[in-house]
Amino acid sequence: MIVCLLTTLLLSCHSVKPLEYRKCAHWKLNKLEFSQSTLDLDLVYFNPNRIGLMLDQVELDVFLNGKSLGNTHQRTQIHIPGKQEFTLPVSINLDMKNLLGNAVSSMMNEKVKLRTVGKVRVGKAGIYQWIPLDITNEMSMSPFR
């Protein structure tokens, strides 16, 4: 009971610092269908907070060269250690109409911009708050050329 009270006071007195994006470690097209496909990503973040947190939910929208590519809304339970890097596995539902529309123009460019915008819900001892995320990756398309 005392631990829960102290955690509540700690989280209410100090806001949780935003997670720091480090890199996209892996990505692969997992499910391929005409109407909808799935892209799996491993996003690596750093937790600048001293305390460990629990990641509860992820809500992200993904854009390729500024055009909507898909989204994800997933519930998860990932322990985030304090002052350490951690991996966030994300499965994105791709809109194949937009993907195919962007594919030809993207293949002609050496690099494409993959932007991920959204929020994650993190907390401790049952007290959670939403933290915004906004990531832009420039990815080389040279293996496809």
N, C-alpha and C. Protein backbone atom coordinates (compact mmCIF):
# COMPACT_ATOMS: atom_id res chain seq x y z
N MET A 1 0.82 -1.19 0.00
CA MET A 1 0.00 0.00 0.00
C MET A 1 0.87 1.26 0.00
N ILE A 2 1.92 1.24 0.83
CA ILE A 2 2.81 2.41 0.91
C ILE A 2 3.55 2.60 -0.41
N VAL A 3 3.96 1.49 -1.04
CA VAL A 3 4.65 1.58 -2.33
C VAL A 3 3.74 2.22 -3.38
N CYS A 4 2.47 1.82 -3.41
CA CYS A 4 1.51 2.40 -4.37
C CYS A 4 1.32 3.89 -4.11
N LEU A 5 1.25 4.29 -2.84
CA LEU A 5 1.09 5.69 -2.49
C LEU A 5 2.30 6.50 -2.91
N LEU A 6 3.49 5.98 -2.63
CA LEU A 6 4.71 6.68 -3.03
C LEU A 6 4.83 6.80 -4.55
N THR A 7 4.47 5.74 -5.26
CA THR A 7 4.50 5.77 -6.73
C THR A 7 3.53 6.80 -7.25
N THR A 8 2.34 6.85 -6.68
CA THR A 8 1.34 7.84 -7.09
C THR A 8 1.85 9.25 -6.87
N LEU A 9 2.44 9.50 -5.73
CA LEU A 9 2.99 10.83 -5.45
C LEU A 9 4.13 11.17 -6.40
N LEU A 10 4.99 10.21 -6.67
CA LEU A 10 6.12 10.42 -7.57
C LEU A 10 5.65 10.78 -8.97
N LEU A 11 4.68 10.02 -9.49
CA LEU A 11 4.20 10.26 -10.85
C LEU A 11 3.39 11.54 -10.94
N SER A 12 2.69 11.92 -9.87
CA SER A 12 1.87 13.13 -9.93
C SER A 12 2.73 14.38 -9.77
N CYS A 13 3.84 14.29 -9.03
CA CYS A 13 4.70 15.45 -8.83
C CYS A 13 5.60 15.72 -10.03
N HIS A 14 6.03 14.66 -10.69
CA HIS A 14 6.95 14.81 -11.82
C HIS A 14 6.30 14.21 -13.05
N SER A 15 6.24 15.00 -14.10
CA SER A 15 5.69 14.44 -15.33
C SER A 15 6.72 13.50 -15.95
N VAL A 16 6.23 12.52 -16.65
CA VAL A 16 7.09 11.55 -17.30
C VAL A 16 7.74 12.22 -18.51
N LYS A 17 9.05 12.12 -18.62
CA LYS A 17 9.76 12.69 -19.76
C LYS A 17 9.44 11.87 -21.00
N PRO A 18 9.35 12.52 -22.16
CA PRO A 18 9.06 11.78 -23.39
C PRO A 18 10.14 10.75 -23.71
N LEU A 19 9.73 9.66 -24.31
CA LEU A 19 10.67 8.63 -24.74
C LEU A 19 11.47 9.17 -25.92
N GLU A 20 12.73 8.80 -26.00
CA GLU A 20 13.61 9.29 -27.06
C GLU A 20 13.79 8.20 -28.11
N TYR A 21 13.37 8.51 -29.33
CA TYR A 21 13.51 7.57 -30.44
C TYR A 21 14.98 7.41 -30.79
N ARG A 22 15.41 6.15 -31.02
CA ARG A 22 16.79 5.87 -31.42
C ARG A 22 16.88 5.36 -32.85
N LYS A 23 16.12 4.30 -33.17
CA LYS A 23 16.22 3.75 -34.53
C LYS A 23 15.10 2.75 -34.79
N CYS A 24 14.96 2.42 -36.05
CA CYS A 24 14.09 1.33 -36.48
C CYS A 24 15.00 0.13 -36.70
N ALA A 25 14.92 -0.86 -35.81
CA ALA A 25 15.88 -1.97 -35.83
C ALA A 25 15.58 -2.97 -36.93
N HIS A 26 14.36 -3.35 -37.10
CA HIS A 26 13.98 -4.35 -38.10
C HIS A 26 12.62 -3.98 -38.68
N TRP A 27 12.40 -4.35 -39.91
CA TRP A 27 11.07 -4.22 -40.49
C TRP A 27 10.89 -5.28 -41.55
N LYS A 28 9.68 -5.82 -41.60
CA LYS A 28 9.39 -6.83 -42.63
C LYS A 28 7.90 -6.82 -42.94
N LEU A 29 7.59 -7.13 -44.17
CA LEU A 29 6.21 -7.27 -44.60
C LEU A 29 5.75 -8.66 -44.19
N ASN A 30 4.85 -8.72 -43.23
CA ASN A 30 4.48 -9.99 -42.61
C ASN A 30 3.32 -10.66 -43.32
N LYS A 31 2.30 -9.92 -43.62
CA LYS A 31 1.09 -10.48 -44.22
C LYS A 31 0.81 -9.67 -45.48
N LEU A 32 0.64 -10.34 -46.60
CA LEU A 32 0.43 -9.64 -47.86
C LEU A 32 -0.87 -10.08 -48.49
N GLU A 33 -1.84 -9.15 -48.55
CA GLU A 33 -3.13 -9.40 -49.18
C GLU A 33 -3.48 -8.18 -50.02
N PHE A 34 -4.45 -8.33 -50.93
CA PHE A 34 -4.82 -7.22 -51.82
C PHE A 34 -5.47 -6.07 -51.07
N SER A 35 -6.30 -6.35 -50.09
CA SER A 35 -7.01 -5.28 -49.40
C SER A 35 -6.20 -4.67 -48.26
N GLN A 36 -5.49 -5.51 -47.53
CA GLN A 36 -4.73 -5.02 -46.38
C GLN A 36 -3.55 -5.94 -46.11
N SER A 37 -2.43 -5.34 -45.75
CA SER A 37 -1.23 -6.10 -45.40
C SER A 37 -0.72 -5.61 -44.05
N THR A 38 0.25 -6.33 -43.51
CA THR A 38 0.80 -5.98 -42.21
C THR A 38 2.31 -5.80 -42.30
N LEU A 39 2.79 -4.69 -41.76
CA LEU A 39 4.21 -4.40 -41.68
C LEU A 39 4.63 -4.46 -40.22
N ASP A 40 5.60 -5.30 -39.91
CA ASP A 40 6.10 -5.41 -38.54
C ASP A 40 7.39 -4.61 -38.40
N LEU A 41 7.45 -3.76 -37.36
CA LEU A 41 8.61 -2.92 -37.09
C LEU A 41 9.08 -3.14 -35.67
N ASP A 42 10.37 -3.04 -35.44
CA ASP A 42 10.92 -2.97 -34.09
C ASP A 42 11.51 -1.58 -33.93
N LEU A 43 10.87 -0.76 -33.11
CA LEU A 43 11.34 0.59 -32.85
C LEU A 43 12.12 0.59 -31.55
N VAL A 44 13.32 1.18 -31.58
CA VAL A 44 14.16 1.23 -30.39
C VAL A 44 14.07 2.64 -29.80
N TYR A 45 13.77 2.69 -28.50
CA TYR A 45 13.64 3.94 -27.76
C TYR A 45 14.55 3.92 -26.54
N PHE A 46 14.79 5.12 -26.00
CA PHE A 46 15.49 5.27 -24.74
C PHE A 46 14.54 5.91 -23.75
N ASN A 47 14.47 5.35 -22.54
CA ASN A 47 13.65 5.91 -21.47
C ASN A 47 14.53 6.84 -20.64
N PRO A 48 14.36 8.18 -20.73
CA PRO A 48 15.20 9.11 -19.97
C PRO A 48 14.79 9.23 -18.50
N ASN A 49 13.69 8.58 -18.12
CA ASN A 49 13.21 8.65 -16.74
C ASN A 49 14.00 7.70 -15.85
N ARG A 50 14.17 8.09 -14.59
CA ARG A 50 14.89 7.24 -13.64
C ARG A 50 14.09 5.98 -13.31
N ILE A 51 12.79 6.11 -13.30
CA ILE A 51 11.95 4.97 -12.91
C ILE A 51 11.59 4.13 -14.12
N GLY A 52 11.44 2.85 -13.90
CA GLY A 52 10.94 1.97 -14.95
C GLY A 52 9.45 2.20 -15.13
N LEU A 53 8.97 1.97 -16.32
CA LEU A 53 7.56 2.19 -16.65
C LEU A 53 6.98 0.95 -17.31
N MET A 54 5.69 0.93 -17.43
CA MET A 54 5.00 -0.13 -18.16
C MET A 54 4.30 0.52 -19.35
N LEU A 55 4.56 0.01 -20.54
CA LEU A 55 3.87 0.51 -21.74
C LEU A 55 2.60 -0.32 -21.91
N ASP A 56 1.48 0.36 -22.04
CA ASP A 56 0.16 -0.27 -22.01
C ASP A 56 -0.53 -0.27 -23.38
N GLN A 57 -0.41 0.84 -24.13
CA GLN A 57 -1.08 0.96 -25.42
C GLN A 57 -0.24 1.75 -26.40
N VAL A 58 -0.45 1.46 -27.69
CA VAL A 58 0.24 2.15 -28.78
C VAL A 58 -0.81 2.54 -29.82
N GLU A 59 -0.80 3.81 -30.23
CA GLU A 59 -1.66 4.29 -31.31
C GLU A 59 -0.79 5.10 -32.26
N LEU A 60 -0.58 4.58 -33.48
CA LEU A 60 0.31 5.23 -34.44
C LEU A 60 -0.32 5.30 -35.82
N ASP A 61 -0.02 6.37 -36.54
CA ASP A 61 -0.34 6.51 -37.95
C ASP A 61 0.99 6.61 -38.70
N VAL A 62 1.07 5.95 -39.85
CA VAL A 62 2.32 5.89 -40.61
C VAL A 62 2.11 6.56 -41.97
N PHE A 63 3.10 7.38 -42.36
CA PHE A 63 3.05 8.11 -43.62
C PHE A 63 4.30 7.83 -44.43
N LEU A 64 4.14 7.61 -45.72
CA LEU A 64 5.26 7.42 -46.64
C LEU A 64 5.28 8.61 -47.57
N ASN A 65 6.35 9.39 -47.51
CA ASN A 65 6.48 10.63 -48.29
C ASN A 65 5.25 11.52 -48.13
N GLY A 66 4.76 11.62 -46.90
CA GLY A 66 3.65 12.51 -46.59
C GLY A 66 2.26 11.96 -46.84
N LYS A 67 2.14 10.76 -47.39
CA LYS A 67 0.83 10.17 -47.69
C LYS A 67 0.56 9.02 -46.73
N SER A 68 -0.68 8.93 -46.26
CA SER A 68 -1.05 7.89 -45.29
C SER A 68 -0.76 6.50 -45.83
N LEU A 69 -0.12 5.70 -45.00
CA LEU A 69 0.23 4.34 -45.37
C LEU A 69 -0.53 3.31 -44.55
N GLY A 70 -0.86 3.67 -43.31
CA GLY A 70 -1.59 2.74 -42.45
C GLY A 70 -1.52 3.20 -41.00
N ASN A 71 -2.01 2.32 -40.10
CA ASN A 71 -2.02 2.67 -38.69
C ASN A 71 -1.99 1.43 -37.82
N THR A 72 -1.83 1.65 -36.54
CA THR A 72 -1.89 0.58 -35.55
C THR A 72 -2.50 1.11 -34.26
N HIS A 73 -3.31 0.29 -33.66
CA HIS A 73 -3.87 0.54 -32.33
C HIS A 73 -3.75 -0.79 -31.61
N GLN A 74 -2.77 -0.91 -30.72
CA GLN A 74 -2.56 -2.18 -30.06
C GLN A 74 -2.37 -2.01 -28.57
N ARG A 75 -2.90 -2.97 -27.85
CA ARG A 75 -2.70 -3.05 -26.40
C ARG A 75 -1.56 -4.03 -26.17
N THR A 76 -0.68 -3.69 -25.25
CA THR A 76 0.48 -4.51 -25.00
C THR A 76 0.93 -4.32 -23.56
N GLN A 77 1.80 -5.13 -23.09
CA GLN A 77 2.39 -4.97 -21.76
C GLN A 77 3.90 -5.13 -21.90
N ILE A 78 4.60 -4.02 -22.02
CA ILE A 78 6.05 -4.03 -22.19
C ILE A 78 6.68 -3.28 -21.02
N HIS A 79 7.60 -3.93 -20.33
CA HIS A 79 8.33 -3.27 -19.25
C HIS A 79 9.42 -2.39 -19.87
N ILE A 80 9.46 -1.14 -19.44
CA ILE A 80 10.46 -0.19 -19.92
C ILE A 80 11.40 0.12 -18.76
N PRO A 81 12.63 -0.35 -18.79
CA PRO A 81 13.56 -0.07 -17.69
C PRO A 81 13.95 1.41 -17.67
N GLY A 82 14.22 1.93 -16.47
CA GLY A 82 14.65 3.31 -16.33
C GLY A 82 16.04 3.54 -16.88
N LYS A 83 16.24 4.67 -17.55
CA LYS A 83 17.54 5.08 -18.10
C LYS A 83 18.17 4.02 -19.01
N GLN A 84 17.34 3.31 -19.79
CA GLN A 84 17.85 2.28 -20.70
C GLN A 84 17.07 2.29 -22.00
N GLU A 85 17.68 1.65 -23.02
CA GLU A 85 16.99 1.45 -24.29
C GLU A 85 16.05 0.25 -24.17
N PHE A 86 15.00 0.28 -24.98
CA PHE A 86 14.08 -0.84 -25.05
C PHE A 86 13.52 -0.92 -26.47
N THR A 87 12.99 -2.07 -26.82
CA THR A 87 12.44 -2.28 -28.15
C THR A 87 10.92 -2.35 -28.07
N LEU A 88 10.28 -1.62 -28.98
CA LEU A 88 8.82 -1.60 -29.08
C LEU A 88 8.42 -2.29 -30.39
N PRO A 89 7.95 -3.54 -30.33
CA PRO A 89 7.50 -4.20 -31.56
C PRO A 89 6.12 -3.67 -31.95
N VAL A 90 5.99 -3.26 -33.21
CA VAL A 90 4.75 -2.67 -33.71
C VAL A 90 4.33 -3.40 -34.97
N SER A 91 3.05 -3.68 -35.07
CA SER A 91 2.48 -4.30 -36.25
C SER A 91 1.50 -3.30 -36.88
N ILE A 92 1.82 -2.81 -38.08
CA ILE A 92 1.05 -1.75 -38.73
C ILE A 92 0.17 -2.33 -39.82
N ASN A 93 -1.11 -1.98 -39.77
CA ASN A 93 -2.07 -2.38 -40.80
C ASN A 93 -1.93 -1.42 -41.98
N LEU A 94 -1.46 -1.93 -43.10
CA LEU A 94 -1.22 -1.09 -44.28
C LEU A 94 -2.46 -1.02 -45.16
N ASP A 95 -2.71 0.16 -45.68
CA ASP A 95 -3.78 0.36 -46.66
C ASP A 95 -3.15 0.13 -48.03
N MET A 96 -3.49 -0.99 -48.66
CA MET A 96 -2.83 -1.38 -49.91
C MET A 96 -3.08 -0.41 -51.05
N LYS A 97 -4.23 0.27 -51.08
CA LYS A 97 -4.49 1.25 -52.14
C LYS A 97 -3.46 2.37 -52.07
N ASN A 98 -3.22 2.89 -50.87
CA ASN A 98 -2.24 3.96 -50.71
C ASN A 98 -0.81 3.44 -50.91
N LEU A 99 -0.55 2.23 -50.46
CA LEU A 99 0.79 1.66 -50.62
C LEU A 99 1.12 1.48 -52.10
N LEU A 100 0.21 0.90 -52.85
CA LEU A 100 0.46 0.69 -54.27
C LEU A 100 0.55 2.01 -55.02
N GLY A 101 -0.25 3.00 -54.61
CA GLY A 101 -0.19 4.32 -55.22
C GLY A 101 1.14 5.01 -54.99
N ASN A 102 1.75 4.77 -53.84
CA ASN A 102 3.05 5.38 -53.50
C ASN A 102 4.23 4.56 -54.00
N ALA A 103 4.01 3.29 -54.30
CA ALA A 103 5.12 2.38 -54.60
C ALA A 103 5.93 2.83 -55.81
N VAL A 104 5.27 3.17 -56.90
CA VAL A 104 5.99 3.53 -58.13
C VAL A 104 6.81 4.80 -57.92
N SER A 105 6.20 5.83 -57.33
CA SER A 105 6.94 7.07 -57.13
C SER A 105 8.06 6.87 -56.10
N SER A 106 7.86 6.02 -55.11
CA SER A 106 8.88 5.77 -54.09
C SER A 106 10.06 5.01 -54.66
N MET A 107 9.80 4.07 -55.55
CA MET A 107 10.88 3.27 -56.14
C MET A 107 11.79 4.12 -57.01
N MET A 108 11.28 5.24 -57.54
CA MET A 108 12.08 6.10 -58.40
C MET A 108 13.01 7.00 -57.59
N ASN A 109 12.75 7.14 -56.29
CA ASN A 109 13.59 7.97 -55.43
C ASN A 109 14.65 7.10 -54.76
N GLU A 110 15.82 7.70 -54.49
CA GLU A 110 16.86 6.97 -53.76
C GLU A 110 16.45 6.77 -52.31
N LYS A 111 15.77 7.77 -51.75
CA LYS A 111 15.36 7.69 -50.36
C LYS A 111 13.89 8.05 -50.24
N VAL A 112 13.25 7.48 -49.24
CA VAL A 112 11.86 7.81 -48.92
C VAL A 112 11.80 8.21 -47.45
N LYS A 113 10.79 9.03 -47.12
CA LYS A 113 10.58 9.42 -45.73
C LYS A 113 9.43 8.62 -45.16
N LEU A 114 9.73 7.91 -44.08
CA LEU A 114 8.72 7.15 -43.35
C LEU A 114 8.51 7.90 -42.04
N ARG A 115 7.29 8.45 -41.85
CA ARG A 115 6.97 9.21 -40.65
C ARG A 115 5.93 8.46 -39.83
N THR A 116 6.18 8.34 -38.54
CA THR A 116 5.27 7.68 -37.61
C THR A 116 4.85 8.70 -36.57
N VAL A 117 3.53 8.93 -36.47
CA VAL A 117 2.98 9.91 -35.55
C VAL A 117 1.93 9.24 -34.68
N GLY A 118 1.93 9.54 -33.40
CA GLY A 118 0.92 8.97 -32.53
C GLY A 118 1.26 9.15 -31.07
N LYS A 119 0.87 8.16 -30.28
CA LYS A 119 1.10 8.26 -28.85
C LYS A 119 1.17 6.87 -28.23
N VAL A 120 1.83 6.81 -27.07
CA VAL A 120 1.90 5.58 -26.28
C VAL A 120 1.40 5.91 -24.89
N ARG A 121 0.83 4.92 -24.25
CA ARG A 121 0.34 5.09 -22.89
C ARG A 121 1.28 4.34 -21.95
N VAL A 122 1.93 5.08 -21.05
CA VAL A 122 2.88 4.49 -20.11
C VAL A 122 2.51 4.89 -18.68
N GLY A 123 2.97 4.08 -17.73
CA GLY A 123 2.72 4.41 -16.35
C GLY A 123 3.34 3.41 -15.40
N LYS A 124 2.91 3.50 -14.16
CA LYS A 124 3.42 2.63 -13.11
C LYS A 124 2.35 2.51 -12.04
N ALA A 125 2.20 1.32 -11.51
CA ALA A 125 1.26 1.05 -10.41
C ALA A 125 -0.17 1.49 -10.74
N GLY A 126 -0.58 1.26 -11.98
CA GLY A 126 -1.96 1.56 -12.37
C GLY A 126 -2.24 3.00 -12.74
N ILE A 127 -1.24 3.87 -12.69
CA ILE A 127 -1.42 5.27 -13.07
C ILE A 127 -0.70 5.48 -14.39
N TYR A 128 -1.48 5.82 -15.44
CA TYR A 128 -0.94 5.92 -16.79
C TYR A 128 -1.16 7.30 -17.37
N GLN A 129 -0.31 7.67 -18.32
CA GLN A 129 -0.50 8.89 -19.08
C GLN A 129 -0.03 8.67 -20.51
N TRP A 130 -0.57 9.46 -21.42
CA TRP A 130 -0.22 9.37 -22.84
C TRP A 130 0.99 10.24 -23.11
N ILE A 131 1.93 9.69 -23.90
CA ILE A 131 3.12 10.43 -24.34
C ILE A 131 3.10 10.47 -25.86
N PRO A 132 3.23 11.67 -26.46
CA PRO A 132 3.21 11.77 -27.92
C PRO A 132 4.51 11.25 -28.55
N LEU A 133 4.38 10.70 -29.76
CA LEU A 133 5.53 10.25 -30.55
C LEU A 133 5.44 10.88 -31.93
N ASP A 134 6.57 11.28 -32.47
CA ASP A 134 6.64 11.80 -33.83
C ASP A 134 8.03 11.46 -34.35
N ILE A 135 8.10 10.46 -35.25
CA ILE A 135 9.37 9.94 -35.73
C ILE A 135 9.42 10.09 -37.25
N THR A 136 10.53 10.55 -37.77
CA THR A 136 10.74 10.57 -39.21
C THR A 136 12.03 9.82 -39.52
N ASN A 137 11.90 8.79 -40.36
CA ASN A 137 13.05 8.00 -40.82
C ASN A 137 13.23 8.24 -42.30
N GLU A 138 14.47 8.42 -42.72
CA GLU A 138 14.76 8.46 -44.14
C GLU A 138 15.37 7.11 -44.48
N MET A 139 14.69 6.38 -45.37
CA MET A 139 15.11 5.02 -45.69
C MET A 139 15.62 4.96 -47.12
N SER A 140 16.70 4.24 -47.32
CA SER A 140 17.28 4.06 -48.65
C SER A 140 16.48 3.01 -49.42
N MET A 141 16.21 3.30 -50.67
CA MET A 141 15.50 2.36 -51.53
C MET A 141 16.46 1.65 -52.48
N SER A 142 17.77 1.83 -52.30
CA SER A 142 18.75 1.26 -53.23
C SER A 142 18.65 -0.25 -53.40
N PRO A 143 18.27 -1.07 -52.39
CA PRO A 143 18.18 -2.50 -52.64
C PRO A 143 17.07 -2.84 -53.64
N PHE A 144 16.10 -1.93 -53.81
CA PHE A 144 14.98 -2.19 -54.70
C PHE A 144 15.21 -1.65 -56.11
N ARG A 145 16.30 -0.94 -56.31
CA ARG A 145 16.55 -0.29 -57.61
C ARG A 145 17.41 -1.16 -58.48
